[in-house]
């Protein structure tokens, strides 16, 4: 299970310009998330970009989302473990 903040960050990182498989620093992740949120018109736009990618290219979307989740969880470990009753299911690796 993933909390909503981690999921939103991962959606934004998914829709960012960082390359899948890269190992960005926490600062690079934060900046990429900010750019993605701005360029997609907010977190809902990032979620839309994610949904579009899953519909058009599921074979590349799944590995990219796994990568994005790993990066966000590594950059924000306290948030990644937070549970306040609001969670979303994520695919198992």
PDB file of N, CA and C in Angstrom:
ATOM      1  N   UNK A   1       0.839  -1.187   0.000  1.00  0.00           N
ATOM      2  CA  UNK A   1       0.000   0.000   0.000  1.00  0.00           C
ATOM      3  C   UNK A   1       0.888   1.255   0.000  1.00  0.00           C
ATOM      4  N   UNK A   2       0.411   2.269  -0.631  1.00  0.00           N
ATOM      5  CA  UNK A   2       1.138   3.526  -0.732  1.00  0.00           C
ATOM      6  C   UNK A   2       0.239   4.659  -0.278  1.00  0.00           C
ATOM      7  N   UNK A   3       0.774   5.564   0.547  1.00  0.00           N
ATOM      8  CA  UNK A   3      -0.034   6.706   0.986  1.00  0.00           C
ATOM      9  C   UNK A   3      -0.238   7.672  -0.188  1.00  0.00           C
ATOM     10  N   UNK A   4      -1.208   8.544  -0.048  1.00  0.00           N
ATOM     11  CA  UNK A   4      -1.583   9.433  -1.151  1.00  0.00           C
ATOM     12  C   UNK A   4      -0.485  10.416  -1.542  1.00  0.00           C
ATOM     13  N   UNK A   5       0.273  10.921  -0.579  1.00  0.00           N
ATOM     14  CA  UNK A   5       1.340  11.859  -0.908  1.00  0.00           C
ATOM     15  C   UNK A   5       2.439  11.171  -1.719  1.00  0.00           C
ATOM     16  N   UNK A   6       2.805   9.971  -1.311  1.00  0.00           N
ATOM     17  CA  UNK A   6       3.801   9.214  -2.065  1.00  0.00           C
ATOM     18  C   UNK A   6       3.291   8.905  -3.468  1.00  0.00           C
ATOM     19  N   UNK A   7       2.026   8.512  -3.575  1.00  0.00           N
ATOM     20  CA  UNK A   7       1.435   8.216  -4.884  1.00  0.00           C
ATOM     21  C   UNK A   7       1.432   9.454  -5.773  1.00  0.00           C
ATOM     22  N   UNK A   8       1.070  10.606  -5.222  1.00  0.00           N
ATOM     23  CA  UNK A   8       1.037  11.844  -6.009  1.00  0.00           C
ATOM     24  C   UNK A   8       2.440  12.236  -6.461  1.00  0.00           C
ATOM     25  N   UNK A   9       3.407  12.100  -5.565  1.00  0.00           N
ATOM     26  CA  UNK A   9       4.796  12.395  -5.942  1.00  0.00           C
ATOM     27  C   UNK A   9       5.267  11.449  -7.043  1.00  0.00           C
ATOM     28  N   UNK A  10       4.946  10.168  -6.923  1.00  0.00           N
ATOM     29  CA  UNK A  10       5.358   9.184  -7.927  1.00  0.00           C
ATOM     30  C   UNK A  10       4.691   9.466  -9.273  1.00  0.00           C
ATOM     31  N   UNK A  11       3.421   9.854  -9.262  1.00  0.00           N
ATOM     32  CA  UNK A  11       2.737  10.209 -10.515  1.00  0.00           C
ATOM     33  C   UNK A  11       3.437  11.390 -11.174  1.00  0.00           C
ATOM     34  N   UNK A  12       3.805  12.381 -10.364  1.00  0.00           N
ATOM     35  CA  UNK A  12       4.499  13.546 -10.917  1.00  0.00           C
ATOM     36  C   UNK A  12       5.873  13.152 -11.450  1.00  0.00           C
ATOM     37  N   UNK A  13       6.606  12.333 -10.699  1.00  0.00           N
ATOM     38  CA  UNK A  13       7.921  11.902 -11.167  1.00  0.00           C
ATOM     39  C   UNK A  13       7.790  11.057 -12.431  1.00  0.00           C
ATOM     40  N   UNK A  14       6.763  10.215 -12.486  1.00  0.00           N
ATOM     41  CA  UNK A  14       6.475   9.414 -13.679  1.00  0.00           C
ATOM     42  C   UNK A  14       6.341  10.323 -14.903  1.00  0.00           C
ATOM     43  N   UNK A  15       5.639  11.433 -14.738  1.00  0.00           N
ATOM     44  CA  UNK A  15       5.377  12.326 -15.872  1.00  0.00           C
ATOM     45  C   UNK A  15       6.486  13.360 -16.080  1.00  0.00           C
ATOM     46  N   UNK A  16       7.586  13.225 -15.333  1.00  0.00           N
ATOM     47  CA  UNK A  16       8.693  14.178 -15.429  1.00  0.00           C
ATOM     48  C   UNK A  16       9.615  13.851 -16.602  1.00  0.00           C
ATOM     49  N   UNK A  17      10.639  14.685 -16.743  1.00  0.00           N
ATOM     50  CA  UNK A  17      11.613  14.508 -17.818  1.00  0.00           C
ATOM     51  C   UNK A  17      12.807  13.654 -17.409  1.00  0.00           C
ATOM     52  N   UNK A  18      12.825  13.127 -16.191  1.00  0.00           N
ATOM     53  CA  UNK A  18      13.930  12.259 -15.773  1.00  0.00           C
ATOM     54  C   UNK A  18      13.820  10.907 -16.464  1.00  0.00           C
ATOM     55  N   UNK A  19      14.973  10.330 -16.766  1.00  0.00           N
ATOM     56  CA  UNK A  19      15.012   9.050 -17.467  1.00  0.00           C
ATOM     57  C   UNK A  19      14.734   7.892 -16.515  1.00  0.00           C
ATOM     58  N   UNK A  20      13.921   6.946 -16.963  1.00  0.00           N
ATOM     59  CA  UNK A  20      13.681   5.722 -16.213  1.00  0.00           C
ATOM     60  C   UNK A  20      15.012   5.014 -16.020  1.00  0.00           C
ATOM     61  N   UNK A  21      15.240   4.541 -14.813  1.00  0.00           N
ATOM     62  CA  UNK A  21      16.484   3.847 -14.518  1.00  0.00           C
ATOM     63  C   UNK A  21      17.568   4.747 -13.968  1.00  0.00           C
ATOM     64  N   UNK A  22      17.365   6.059 -14.061  1.00  0.00           N
ATOM     65  CA  UNK A  22      18.364   6.968 -13.505  1.00  0.00           C
ATOM     66  C   UNK A  22      18.288   6.929 -11.981  1.00  0.00           C
ATOM     67  N   UNK A  23      19.326   7.379 -11.344  1.00  0.00           N
ATOM     68  CA  UNK A  23      19.385   7.425  -9.881  1.00  0.00           C
ATOM     69  C   UNK A  23      19.583   8.877  -9.455  1.00  0.00           C
ATOM     70  N   UNK A  24      18.530   9.700  -9.573  1.00  0.00           N
ATOM     71  CA  UNK A  24      18.663  11.119  -9.242  1.00  0.00           C
ATOM     72  C   UNK A  24      18.798  11.344  -7.740  1.00  0.00           C
ATOM     73  N   UNK A  25      19.353  12.493  -7.399  1.00  0.00           N
ATOM     74  CA  UNK A  25      19.454  12.880  -6.000  1.00  0.00           C
ATOM     75  C   UNK A  25      18.073  13.332  -5.510  1.00  0.00           C
ATOM     76  N   UNK A  26      17.949  13.478  -4.205  1.00  0.00           N
ATOM     77  CA  UNK A  26      16.684  13.970  -3.643  1.00  0.00           C
ATOM     78  C   UNK A  26      16.334  15.340  -4.229  1.00  0.00           C
ATOM     79  N   UNK A  27      17.323  16.203  -4.371  1.00  0.00           N
ATOM     80  CA  UNK A  27      17.090  17.534  -4.942  1.00  0.00           C
ATOM     81  C   UNK A  27      16.605  17.432  -6.382  1.00  0.00           C
ATOM     82  N   UNK A  28      17.222  16.563  -7.171  1.00  0.00           N
ATOM     83  CA  UNK A  28      16.800  16.381  -8.568  1.00  0.00           C
ATOM     84  C   UNK A  28      15.379  15.834  -8.642  1.00  0.00           C
ATOM     85  N   UNK A  29      15.037  14.917  -7.747  1.00  0.00           N
ATOM     86  CA  UNK A  29      13.676  14.365  -7.706  1.00  0.00           C
ATOM     87  C   UNK A  29      12.676  15.458  -7.368  1.00  0.00           C
ATOM     88  N   UNK A  30      12.984  16.248  -6.342  1.00  0.00           N
ATOM     89  CA  UNK A  30      12.088  17.331  -5.926  1.00  0.00           C
ATOM     90  C   UNK A  30      11.878  18.330  -7.053  1.00  0.00           C
ATOM     91  N   UNK A  31      12.956  18.712  -7.727  1.00  0.00           N
ATOM     92  CA  UNK A  31      12.841  19.666  -8.834  1.00  0.00           C
ATOM     93  C   UNK A  31      12.072  19.069 -10.014  1.00  0.00           C
ATOM     94  N   UNK A  32      12.297  17.805 -10.319  1.00  0.00           N
ATOM     95  CA  UNK A  32      11.569  17.151 -11.414  1.00  0.00           C
ATOM     96  C   UNK A  32      10.080  17.077 -11.101  1.00  0.00           C
ATOM     97  N   UNK A  33       9.732  16.796  -9.859  1.00  0.00           N
ATOM     98  CA  UNK A  33       8.327  16.752  -9.449  1.00  0.00           C
ATOM     99  C   UNK A  33       7.703  18.137  -9.597  1.00  0.00           C
ATOM    100  N   UNK A  34       8.409  19.168  -9.153  1.00  0.00           N
ATOM    101  CA  UNK A  34       7.886  20.546  -9.283  1.00  0.00           C
ATOM    102  C   UNK A  34       7.655  20.917 -10.748  1.00  0.00           C
ATOM    103  N   UNK A  35       8.644  20.596 -11.595  1.00  0.00           N
ATOM    104  CA  UNK A  35       8.497  20.913 -13.032  1.00  0.00           C
ATOM    105  C   UNK A  35       7.319  20.165 -13.643  1.00  0.00           C
ATOM    106  N   UNK A  36       7.172  18.891 -13.280  1.00  0.00           N
ATOM    107  CA  UNK A  36       6.080  18.081 -13.838  1.00  0.00           C
ATOM    108  C   UNK A  36       4.722  18.620 -13.389  1.00  0.00           C
ATOM    109  N   UNK A  37       4.617  18.999 -12.134  1.00  0.00           N
ATOM    110  CA  UNK A  37       3.343  19.541 -11.631  1.00  0.00           C
ATOM    111  C   UNK A  37       3.013  20.837 -12.349  1.00  0.00           C
ATOM    112  N   UNK A  38       4.021  21.699 -12.534  1.00  0.00           N
ATOM    113  CA  UNK A  38       3.784  22.956 -13.253  1.00  0.00           C
ATOM    114  C   UNK A  38       3.416  22.705 -14.714  1.00  0.00           C
ATOM    115  N   UNK A  39       4.146  21.849 -15.386  1.00  0.00           N
ATOM    116  CA  UNK A  39       3.905  21.648 -16.820  1.00  0.00           C
ATOM    117  C   UNK A  39       2.628  20.866 -17.115  1.00  0.00           C
ATOM    118  N   UNK A  40       2.152  20.076 -16.148  1.00  0.00           N
ATOM    119  CA  UNK A  40       0.918  19.304 -16.344  1.00  0.00           C
ATOM    120  C   UNK A  40      -0.308  19.979 -15.738  1.00  0.00           C
ATOM    121  N   UNK A  41      -0.130  21.183 -15.204  1.00  0.00           N
ATOM    122  CA  UNK A  41      -1.269  21.909 -14.651  1.00  0.00           C
ATOM    123  C   UNK A  41      -1.736  21.385 -13.296  1.00  0.00           C
ATOM    124  N   UNK A  42      -0.833  20.799 -12.530  1.00  0.00           N
ATOM    125  CA  UNK A  42      -1.172  20.310 -11.200  1.00  0.00           C
ATOM    126  C   UNK A  42      -1.074  18.805 -11.086  1.00  0.00           C
ATOM    127  N   UNK A  43      -1.368  18.313  -9.891  1.00  0.00           N
ATOM    128  CA  UNK A  43      -1.231  16.874  -9.651  1.00  0.00           C
ATOM    129  C   UNK A  43      -2.249  16.059 -10.440  1.00  0.00           C
ATOM    130  N   UNK A  44      -3.421  16.618 -10.688  1.00  0.00           N
ATOM    131  CA  UNK A  44      -4.404  15.884 -11.500  1.00  0.00           C
ATOM    132  C   UNK A  44      -3.925  15.729 -12.941  1.00  0.00           C
ATOM    133  N   UNK A  45      -3.218  16.717 -13.449  1.00  0.00           N
ATOM    134  CA  UNK A  45      -2.647  16.608 -14.783  1.00  0.00           C
ATOM    135  C   UNK A  45      -1.581  15.523 -14.851  1.00  0.00           C
ATOM    136  N   UNK A  46      -0.810  15.386 -13.766  1.00  0.00           N
ATOM    137  CA  UNK A  46       0.197  14.313 -13.700  1.00  0.00           C
ATOM    138  C   UNK A  46      -0.488  12.949 -13.689  1.00  0.00           C
ATOM    139  N   UNK A  47      -1.577  12.843 -12.945  1.00  0.00           N
ATOM    140  CA  UNK A  47      -2.336  11.586 -12.914  1.00  0.00           C
ATOM    141  C   UNK A  47      -2.897  11.280 -14.296  1.00  0.00           C
ATOM    142  N   UNK A  48      -3.336  12.301 -15.006  1.00  0.00           N
ATOM    143  CA  UNK A  48      -3.833  12.112 -16.364  1.00  0.00           C
ATOM    144  C   UNK A  48      -2.749  11.634 -17.309  1.00  0.00           C
ATOM    145  N   UNK A  49      -1.547  12.201 -17.179  1.00  0.00           N
ATOM    146  CA  UNK A  49      -0.413  11.766 -18.010  1.00  0.00           C
ATOM    147  C   UNK A  49      -0.076  10.308 -17.719  1.00  0.00           C
ATOM    148  N   UNK A  50      -0.140   9.927 -16.457  1.00  0.00           N
ATOM    149  CA  UNK A  50       0.102   8.539 -16.064  1.00  0.00           C
ATOM    150  C   UNK A  50      -0.937   7.618 -16.689  1.00  0.00           C
ATOM    151  N   UNK A  51      -2.205   7.981 -16.593  1.00  0.00           N
ATOM    152  CA  UNK A  51      -3.282   7.158 -17.152  1.00  0.00           C
ATOM    153  C   UNK A  51      -3.137   7.028 -18.665  1.00  0.00           C
ATOM    154  N   UNK A  52      -2.781   8.106 -19.309  1.00  0.00           N
ATOM    155  CA  UNK A  52      -2.592   8.089 -20.767  1.00  0.00           C
ATOM    156  C   UNK A  52      -1.453   7.140 -21.143  1.00  0.00           C
ATOM    157  N   UNK A  53      -0.355   7.209 -20.402  1.00  0.00           N
ATOM    158  CA  UNK A  53       0.787   6.333 -20.692  1.00  0.00           C
ATOM    159  C   UNK A  53       0.424   4.870 -20.494  1.00  0.00           C
ATOM    160  N   UNK A  54      -0.338   4.556 -19.434  1.00  0.00           N
ATOM    161  CA  UNK A  54      -0.749   3.171 -19.209  1.00  0.00           C
ATOM    162  C   UNK A  54      -1.650   2.689 -20.344  1.00  0.00           C
ATOM    163  N   UNK A  55      -2.489   3.567 -20.867  1.00  0.00           N
ATOM    164  CA  UNK A  55      -3.373   3.185 -21.964  1.00  0.00           C
ATOM    165  C   UNK A  55      -2.644   3.011 -23.278  1.00  0.00           C
ATOM    166  N   UNK A  56      -1.664   3.868 -23.533  1.00  0.00           N
ATOM    167  CA  UNK A  56      -0.958   3.841 -24.815  1.00  0.00           C
ATOM    168  C   UNK A  56       0.263   2.926 -24.823  1.00  0.00           C
ATOM    169  N   UNK A  57       1.000   2.864 -23.714  1.00  0.00           N
ATOM    170  CA  UNK A  57       2.251   2.104 -23.677  1.00  0.00           C
ATOM    171  C   UNK A  57       2.402   1.364 -22.344  1.00  0.00           C
ATOM    172  N   UNK A  58       1.517   0.421 -22.040  1.00  0.00           N
ATOM    173  CA  UNK A  58       1.599  -0.264 -20.744  1.00  0.00           C
ATOM    174  C   UNK A  58       2.917  -1.003 -20.530  1.00  0.00           C
ATOM    175  N   UNK A  59       3.547  -1.450 -21.610  1.00  0.00           N
ATOM    176  CA  UNK A  59       4.799  -2.198 -21.470  1.00  0.00           C
ATOM    177  C   UNK A  59       5.947  -1.319 -20.957  1.00  0.00           C
ATOM    178  N   UNK A  60       5.874  -0.017 -21.158  1.00  0.00           N
ATOM    179  CA  UNK A  60       6.887   0.889 -20.608  1.00  0.00           C
ATOM    180  C   UNK A  60       6.383   1.638 -19.386  1.00  0.00           C
ATOM    181  N   UNK A  61       5.067   1.763 -19.252  1.00  0.00           N
ATOM    182  CA  UNK A  61       4.506   2.507 -18.115  1.00  0.00           C
ATOM    183  C   UNK A  61       4.718   1.774 -16.792  1.00  0.00           C
ATOM    184  N   UNK A  62       4.564   0.467 -16.783  1.00  0.00           N
ATOM    185  CA  UNK A  62       4.704  -0.302 -15.541  1.00  0.00           C
ATOM    186  C   UNK A  62       6.122  -0.176 -14.981  1.00  0.00           C
ATOM    187  N   UNK A  63       7.169  -0.431 -15.775  1.00  0.00           N
ATOM    188  CA  UNK A  63       8.519  -0.275 -15.223  1.00  0.00           C
ATOM    189  C   UNK A  63       8.821   1.160 -14.801  1.00  0.00           C
ATOM    190  N   UNK A  64       8.288   2.140 -15.533  1.00  0.00           N
ATOM    191  CA  UNK A  64       8.536   3.543 -15.162  1.00  0.00           C
ATOM    192  C   UNK A  64       7.877   3.869 -13.831  1.00  0.00           C
ATOM    193  N   UNK A  65       6.657   3.393 -13.595  1.00  0.00           N
ATOM    194  CA  UNK A  65       5.988   3.679 -12.330  1.00  0.00           C
ATOM    195  C   UNK A  65       6.708   2.991 -11.180  1.00  0.00           C
ATOM    196  N   UNK A  66       7.181   1.781 -11.392  1.00  0.00           N
ATOM    197  CA  UNK A  66       7.957   1.102 -10.338  1.00  0.00           C
ATOM    198  C   UNK A  66       9.207   1.898 -10.004  1.00  0.00           C
ATOM    199  N   UNK A  67       9.887   2.392 -11.030  1.00  0.00           N
ATOM    200  CA  UNK A  67      11.068   3.222 -10.842  1.00  0.00           C
ATOM    201  C   UNK A  67      10.700   4.487 -10.069  1.00  0.00           C
ATOM    202  N   UNK A  68       9.624   5.159 -10.484  1.00  0.00           N
ATOM    203  CA  UNK A  68       9.207   6.401  -9.823  1.00  0.00           C
ATOM    204  C   UNK A  68       8.892   6.154  -8.347  1.00  0.00           C
ATOM    205  N   UNK A  69       8.178   5.091  -8.052  1.00  0.00           N
ATOM    206  CA  UNK A  69       7.863   4.774  -6.654  1.00  0.00           C
ATOM    207  C   UNK A  69       9.136   4.513  -5.847  1.00  0.00           C
ATOM    208  N   UNK A  70      10.077   3.764  -6.408  1.00  0.00           N
ATOM    209  CA  UNK A  70      11.341   3.499  -5.700  1.00  0.00           C
ATOM    210  C   UNK A  70      12.081   4.791  -5.404  1.00  0.00           C
ATOM    211  N   UNK A  71      12.134   5.684  -6.382  1.00  0.00           N
ATOM    212  CA  UNK A  71      12.848   6.943  -6.206  1.00  0.00           C
ATOM    213  C   UNK A  71      12.183   7.814  -5.142  1.00  0.00           C
ATOM    214  N   UNK A  72      10.865   7.913  -5.192  1.00  0.00           N
ATOM    215  CA  UNK A  72      10.138   8.738  -4.215  1.00  0.00           C
ATOM    216  C   UNK A  72      10.284   8.152  -2.819  1.00  0.00           C
ATOM    217  N   UNK A  73      10.147   6.851  -2.690  1.00  0.00           N
ATOM    218  CA  UNK A  73      10.290   6.216  -1.371  1.00  0.00           C
ATOM    219  C   UNK A  73      11.692   6.398  -0.812  1.00  0.00           C
ATOM    220  N   UNK A  74      12.701   6.358  -1.665  1.00  0.00           N
ATOM    221  CA  UNK A  74      14.081   6.560  -1.205  1.00  0.00           C
ATOM    222  C   UNK A  74      14.316   8.018  -0.805  1.00  0.00           C
ATOM    223  N   UNK A  75      13.734   8.946  -1.550  1.00  0.00           N
ATOM    224  CA  UNK A  75      13.936  10.370  -1.283  1.00  0.00           C
ATOM    225  C   UNK A  75      13.120  10.866  -0.090  1.00  0.00           C
ATOM    226  N   UNK A  76      11.989  10.224   0.172  1.00  0.00           N
ATOM    227  CA  UNK A  76      11.077  10.652   1.244  1.00  0.00           C
ATOM    228  C   UNK A  76      10.687   9.454   2.100  1.00  0.00           C
ATOM    229  N   UNK A  77      11.641   8.853   2.814  1.00  0.00           N
ATOM    230  CA  UNK A  77      11.344   7.618   3.552  1.00  0.00           C
ATOM    231  C   UNK A  77      10.311   7.770   4.654  1.00  0.00           C
ATOM    232  N   UNK A  78      10.268   8.889   5.346  1.00  0.00           N
ATOM    233  CA  UNK A  78       9.272   9.053   6.411  1.00  0.00           C
ATOM    234  C   UNK A  78       7.868   9.094   5.846  1.00  0.00           C
ATOM    235  N   UNK A  79       7.699   9.794   4.748  1.00  0.00           N
ATOM    236  CA  UNK A  79       6.386   9.884   4.124  1.00  0.00           C
ATOM    237  C   UNK A  79       5.984   8.544   3.534  1.00  0.00           C
ATOM    238  N   UNK A  80       6.952   7.819   3.001  1.00  0.00           N
ATOM    239  CA  UNK A  80       6.653   6.541   2.352  1.00  0.00           C
ATOM    240  C   UNK A  80       6.084   5.535   3.334  1.00  0.00           C
ATOM    241  N   UNK A  81       6.421   5.642   4.608  1.00  0.00           N
ATOM    242  CA  UNK A  81       5.908   4.712   5.599  1.00  0.00           C
ATOM    243  C   UNK A  81       4.683   5.213   6.329  1.00  0.00           C
ATOM    244  N   UNK A  82       4.252   6.425   6.038  1.00  0.00           N
ATOM    245  CA  UNK A  82       3.134   7.042   6.736  1.00  0.00           C
ATOM    246  C   UNK A  82       1.822   6.390   6.359  1.00  0.00           C
ATOM    247  N   UNK A  83       0.999   6.111   7.353  1.00  0.00           N
ATOM    248  CA  UNK A  83      -0.320   5.531   7.109  1.00  0.00           C
ATOM    249  C   UNK A  83      -1.342   6.305   7.940  1.00  0.00           C
ATOM    250  N   UNK A  84      -2.254   6.971   7.284  1.00  0.00           N
ATOM    251  CA  UNK A  84      -3.275   7.723   7.998  1.00  0.00           C
ATOM    252  C   UNK A  84      -4.669   7.330   7.533  1.00  0.00           C
ATOM    253  N   UNK A  85      -4.824   6.122   7.080  1.00  0.00           N
ATOM    254  CA  UNK A  85      -6.134   5.683   6.638  1.00  0.00           C
ATOM    255  C   UNK A  85      -6.406   5.937   5.166  1.00  0.00           C
ATOM    256  N   UNK A  86      -5.588   6.754   4.517  1.00  0.00           N
ATOM    257  CA  UNK A  86      -5.774   7.045   3.098  1.00  0.00           C
ATOM    258  C   UNK A  86      -4.636   6.400   2.332  1.00  0.00           C
ATOM    259  N   UNK A  87      -4.917   5.303   1.678  1.00  0.00           N
ATOM    260  CA  UNK A  87      -3.873   4.597   0.942  1.00  0.00           C
ATOM    261  C   UNK A  87      -4.404   4.195  -0.433  1.00  0.00           C
ATOM    262  N   UNK A  88      -3.483   3.935  -1.312  1.00  0.00           N
ATOM    263  CA  UNK A  88      -3.840   3.415  -2.633  1.00  0.00           C
ATOM    264  C   UNK A  88      -3.039   2.157  -2.868  1.00  0.00           C
ATOM    265  N   UNK A  89      -3.579   1.263  -3.629  1.00  0.00           N
ATOM    266  CA  UNK A  89      -2.874   0.020  -3.945  1.00  0.00           C
ATOM    267  C   UNK A  89      -1.885   0.280  -5.069  1.00  0.00           C
ATOM    268  N   UNK A  90      -0.717  -0.337  -4.949  1.00  0.00           N
ATOM    269  CA  UNK A  90       0.282  -0.232  -5.996  1.00  0.00           C
ATOM    270  C   UNK A  90       0.611  -1.628  -6.484  1.00  0.00           C
ATOM    271  N   UNK A  91       1.069  -1.751  -7.736  1.00  0.00           N
ATOM    272  CA  UNK A  91       1.402  -3.072  -8.259  1.00  0.00           C
ATOM    273  C   UNK A  91       2.591  -3.659  -7.507  1.00  0.00           C
ATOM    274  N   UNK A  92       2.580  -4.965  -7.327  1.00  0.00           N
ATOM    275  CA  UNK A  92       3.712  -5.630  -6.689  1.00  0.00           C
ATOM    276  C   UNK A  92       4.854  -5.742  -7.684  1.00  0.00           C
ATOM    277  N   UNK A  93       6.091  -5.510  -7.223  1.00  0.00           N
ATOM    278  CA  UNK A  93       7.231  -5.590  -8.158  1.00  0.00           C
ATOM    279  C   UNK A  93       7.463  -6.986  -8.689  1.00  0.00           C
TER     280      UNK A  93
END
